[in-house]
Amino acid sequence: MAQAGKGRLNYRCPSCFMRDLDIDMFYDKEKKEYYCLRCQYTGTEEDVLEKNEMARFRYRAMMKRITDFED
């Protein structure tokens, strides 16, 4: 089994992040893929970035103060 090591960047696991868990993924150099120790998610860098973009859509208005509820 490959030694667990952080990747070039700290990517969040998209599967865990959709369930409001902030879990960093690890990178396997031999398989060239990222994996999560908590939920067994694995994917390429492109796959992880694509799914993290979907998660960002969920929180797009998190920092906005909403005062008008009629629109």
Protein backbone atom coordinates (compact mmCIF):
# COMPACT_ATOMS: atom_id res chain seq x y z
CA MET A 1 0.00 0.00 0.00
CA ALA A 2 1.25 3.49 -0.82
CA GLN A 3 2.39 5.81 1.92
CA ALA A 4 -0.25 8.44 2.66
CA GLY A 5 0.98 11.89 1.75
CA LYS A 6 -0.54 15.28 1.15
CA GLY A 7 -0.86 16.36 -2.46
CA ARG A 8 0.51 19.50 -4.03
CA LEU A 9 -2.52 21.42 -2.80
CA ASN A 10 -4.92 20.68 0.01
CA TYR A 11 -8.01 19.48 -1.83
CA ARG A 12 -11.18 18.84 0.11
CA CYS A 13 -13.00 15.55 -0.36
CA PRO A 14 -16.09 16.42 -2.43
CA SER A 15 -18.13 13.56 -1.01
CA CYS A 16 -17.46 14.55 2.59
CA PHE A 17 -17.80 18.27 1.82
CA MET A 18 -21.34 17.71 0.49
CA ARG A 19 -22.14 16.33 3.95
CA ASP A 20 -20.59 19.41 5.63
CA LEU A 21 -17.38 17.61 6.63
CA ASP A 22 -14.10 19.36 5.89
CA ILE A 23 -11.71 16.49 5.16
CA ASP A 24 -8.38 16.87 3.31
CA MET A 25 -7.56 14.34 0.61
CA PHE A 26 -4.29 12.47 0.21
CA TYR A 27 -2.39 11.85 -3.01
CA ASP A 28 -1.16 8.47 -4.23
CA LYS A 29 1.83 9.08 -6.53
CA GLU A 30 1.79 5.55 -7.94
CA LYS A 31 -1.84 5.66 -9.04
CA LYS A 32 -1.78 9.44 -9.65
CA GLU A 33 -5.09 9.94 -7.85
CA TYR A 34 -6.44 11.55 -4.72
CA TYR A 35 -8.25 9.59 -2.04
CA CYS A 36 -10.15 10.21 1.19
CA LEU A 37 -9.41 8.19 4.29
CA ARG A 38 -12.87 8.75 5.75
CA CYS A 39 -15.26 7.82 2.93
CA GLN A 40 -13.12 5.87 0.43
CA TYR A 41 -13.64 8.43 -2.37
CA THR A 42 -10.93 8.32 -5.07
CA GLY A 43 -10.49 10.45 -8.16
CA THR A 44 -8.12 12.26 -10.46
CA GLU A 45 -7.24 15.90 -9.90
CA GLU A 46 -9.66 16.97 -12.63
CA ASP A 47 -12.48 14.91 -11.10
CA VAL A 48 -11.86 16.37 -7.64
CA LEU A 49 -11.78 19.94 -8.97
CA GLU A 50 -14.99 19.41 -10.94
CA LYS A 51 -16.88 18.03 -7.95
CA ASN A 52 -15.50 20.72 -5.61
CA GLU A 53 -16.84 23.34 -8.03
CA MET A 54 -20.29 21.75 -7.63
CA ALA A 55 -19.92 22.05 -3.85
CA ARG A 56 -18.96 25.74 -4.18
CA PHE A 57 -22.28 26.30 -5.97
CA ARG A 58 -24.06 25.24 -2.78
CA TYR A 59 -22.30 27.94 -0.74
CA ARG A 60 -22.20 30.71 -3.36
CA ALA A 61 -24.21 33.18 -1.25
CA MET A 62 -22.78 32.24 2.14
CA MET A 63 -21.02 35.58 2.66
CA LYS A 64 -23.93 37.73 1.38
CA ARG A 65 -26.28 39.41 3.78
CA ILE A 66 -29.80 38.82 2.47
CA THR A 67 -32.27 41.46 3.59
CA ASP A 68 -34.82 41.45 0.77
CA PHE A 69 -36.87 38.26 0.66
CA GLU A 70 -39.44 39.41 -1.92
CA ASP A 71 -37.39 38.59 -5.05
